[in-house]
Amino acid sequence: KTYELNQINYSFEDYEIFLEKNDIINFSINETSYHSPWEAWKFYLLDLATGKKIQSNLFINPNSVIRMCRAKLKKDGYNLRIGIKDLINFQSIVKENKIIGLNIIFLDPTYTNHGYDYINVHFDWKELEKFISPNFKNRLK
């Protein structure tokens, strides 16, 4: 079922579009709960040609990407349990309409009264380019 945000005591606070190119859009929205300090950023990477979320389909070998994320998280002192199902939140870093990096954002399972915190794993585009599915790589160039 689809509900209007205000019917379920949520509001849409802010948004940011990171990338819009060749029927691919990457954006985030900030949701808040009425009468509460809770808020959450939601990140979306959508294929407008199919109308679907891209998620782990962005990668030809998502297991390798997860291993790389685990290594970076461990280096930064995080001990998160992550898997392919967690490859859902992306933030494209764009300069002059060209992707130069990608943040893969993971949800910290430690809940606070303001919501969940996010842990950002940054990759330069050159680090990830060989793992990007050809269908998306060609459209993101």
Protein backbone atom coordinates (compact mmCIF):
# COMPACT_ATOMS: atom_id res chain seq x y z
CA LYS A 1 0.00 0.00 0.00
CA THR A 2 1.09 3.52 -0.68
CA TYR A 3 0.48 6.18 1.92
CA GLU A 4 1.01 9.89 1.83
CA LEU A 5 3.81 10.73 4.23
CA ASN A 6 1.65 12.96 6.38
CA GLN A 7 -0.90 10.16 6.88
CA ILE A 8 1.74 8.05 8.60
CA ASN A 9 3.27 10.94 10.60
CA TYR A 10 6.33 11.50 8.43
CA SER A 11 7.43 14.50 6.45
CA PHE A 12 9.81 15.08 3.61
CA GLU A 13 12.42 17.60 4.75
CA ASP A 14 15.06 17.87 2.07
CA TYR A 15 16.47 16.20 -1.01
CA GLU A 16 19.66 16.20 -3.05
CA ILE A 17 20.19 14.98 -6.61
CA PHE A 18 23.70 13.61 -7.08
CA LEU A 19 23.43 12.34 -10.66
CA GLU A 20 20.95 12.39 -13.51
CA LYS A 21 22.38 10.87 -16.67
CA ASN A 22 21.23 8.48 -19.42
CA ASP A 23 18.06 7.40 -17.59
CA ILE A 24 19.90 6.84 -14.32
CA ILE A 25 19.17 9.04 -11.34
CA ASN A 26 20.86 9.03 -7.94
CA PHE A 27 19.30 11.12 -5.18
CA SER A 28 18.60 11.22 -1.47
CA ILE A 29 15.66 12.40 0.58
CA ASN A 30 15.47 13.27 4.24
CA GLU A 31 12.43 12.01 6.13
CA THR A 32 11.45 13.10 9.62
CA SER A 33 8.81 11.94 12.04
CA TYR A 34 6.30 14.41 13.44
CA HIS A 35 6.85 15.35 17.09
CA SER A 36 10.04 13.30 17.29
CA PRO A 37 13.78 13.86 16.82
CA TRP A 38 13.86 10.84 14.47
CA GLU A 39 15.08 11.40 10.92
CA ALA A 40 16.52 9.29 8.15
CA TRP A 41 18.23 9.88 4.85
CA LYS A 42 17.13 7.51 2.10
CA PHE A 43 19.40 7.03 -0.90
CA TYR A 44 18.15 5.90 -4.29
CA LEU A 45 19.90 4.82 -7.46
CA LEU A 46 17.20 4.21 -10.06
CA ASP A 47 17.18 2.96 -13.62
CA LEU A 48 14.49 5.12 -15.18
CA ALA A 49 14.43 2.91 -18.30
CA THR A 50 13.13 -0.02 -16.22
CA GLY A 51 11.66 1.86 -13.27
CA LYS A 52 13.66 -0.27 -10.82
CA LYS A 53 16.21 0.31 -8.08
CA ILE A 54 19.67 -0.67 -9.26
CA GLN A 55 21.11 -1.85 -5.90
CA SER A 56 23.67 -4.70 -6.12
CA ASN A 57 22.90 -5.07 -9.86
CA LEU A 58 25.28 -2.15 -10.33
CA PHE A 59 28.14 -4.62 -9.92
CA ILE A 60 29.17 -7.66 -11.96
CA ASN A 61 30.80 -9.14 -8.86
CA PRO A 62 29.07 -7.77 -5.75
CA ASN A 63 30.94 -10.22 -3.49
CA SER A 64 34.25 -8.57 -4.39
CA VAL A 65 32.79 -5.15 -3.70
CA ILE A 66 31.54 -6.33 -0.30
CA ARG A 67 35.03 -7.66 0.52
CA MET A 68 36.53 -4.28 -0.42
CA CYS A 69 33.95 -2.51 1.74
CA ARG A 70 34.69 -4.79 4.70
CA ALA A 71 38.41 -4.06 4.39
CA LYS A 72 37.81 -0.29 4.35
CA LEU A 73 35.36 -0.52 7.26
CA LYS A 74 37.82 -2.60 9.29
CA LYS A 75 40.61 -0.13 8.53
CA ASP A 76 38.37 2.66 9.86
CA GLY A 77 37.57 0.71 13.04
CA TYR A 78 34.08 -0.55 12.16
CA ASN A 79 33.01 -4.14 12.63
CA LEU A 80 29.77 -4.23 10.62
CA ARG A 81 28.24 -7.42 9.32
CA ILE A 82 27.44 -6.60 5.71
CA GLY A 83 26.42 -8.65 2.70
CA ILE A 84 25.17 -8.21 -0.85
CA LYS A 85 21.70 -7.27 0.44
CA ASP A 86 23.32 -4.16 1.97
CA LEU A 87 24.46 -2.77 -1.39
CA ILE A 88 21.48 -0.45 -1.66
CA ASN A 89 22.58 3.06 -0.65
CA PHE A 90 24.79 4.95 -3.06
CA GLN A 91 25.95 8.52 -3.43
CA SER A 92 27.60 9.41 -6.72
CA ILE A 93 30.41 11.95 -6.54
CA VAL A 94 30.20 13.98 -9.74
CA LYS A 95 32.44 16.67 -11.18
CA GLU A 96 31.64 18.35 -14.48
CA ASN A 97 28.95 15.73 -15.23
CA LYS A 98 31.45 12.88 -14.80
CA ILE A 99 31.45 10.36 -11.96
CA ILE A 100 34.71 10.59 -10.05
CA GLY A 101 33.70 8.54 -7.01
CA LEU A 102 31.01 6.53 -5.32
CA ASN A 103 30.07 6.38 -1.66
CA ILE A 104 28.49 3.13 -0.55
CA ILE A 105 26.51 3.89 2.56
CA PHE A 106 25.73 1.31 5.21
CA LEU A 107 23.24 1.55 8.04
CA ASP A 108 24.76 1.38 11.50
CA PRO A 109 22.52 -1.08 13.40
CA THR A 110 22.97 0.90 16.61
CA TYR A 111 19.73 2.83 17.00
CA THR A 112 19.56 6.17 18.77
CA ASN A 113 16.49 8.26 19.52
CA HIS A 114 17.21 10.36 16.43
CA GLY A 115 17.35 7.34 14.09
CA TYR A 116 20.12 5.27 12.61
CA ASP A 117 23.56 6.52 11.73
CA TYR A 118 25.14 5.87 8.38
CA ILE A 119 28.65 4.74 7.68
CA ASN A 120 30.10 5.95 4.42
CA VAL A 121 32.63 3.88 2.44
CA HIS A 122 34.24 5.99 -0.27
CA PHE A 123 35.69 4.66 -3.51
CA ASP A 124 37.32 6.58 -6.31
CA TRP A 125 35.63 5.68 -9.59
CA LYS A 126 38.81 4.01 -10.85
CA GLU A 127 38.71 1.59 -7.89
CA LEU A 128 35.18 0.42 -8.75
CA GLU A 129 34.97 0.85 -12.51
CA LYS A 130 36.08 -2.73 -13.28
CA PHE A 131 33.25 -4.05 -11.06
CA ILE A 132 30.47 -1.97 -12.65
CA SER A 133 28.03 -3.90 -14.83
CA PRO A 134 28.63 -3.07 -18.52
CA ASN A 135 25.02 -1.96 -18.95
CA PHE A 136 25.45 0.71 -16.29
CA LYS A 137 29.10 1.52 -16.98
CA ASN A 138 28.31 2.60 -20.54
CA ARG A 139 25.40 4.74 -19.39
CA LEU A 140 27.39 6.35 -16.58
CA LYS A 141 30.36 7.42 -18.75
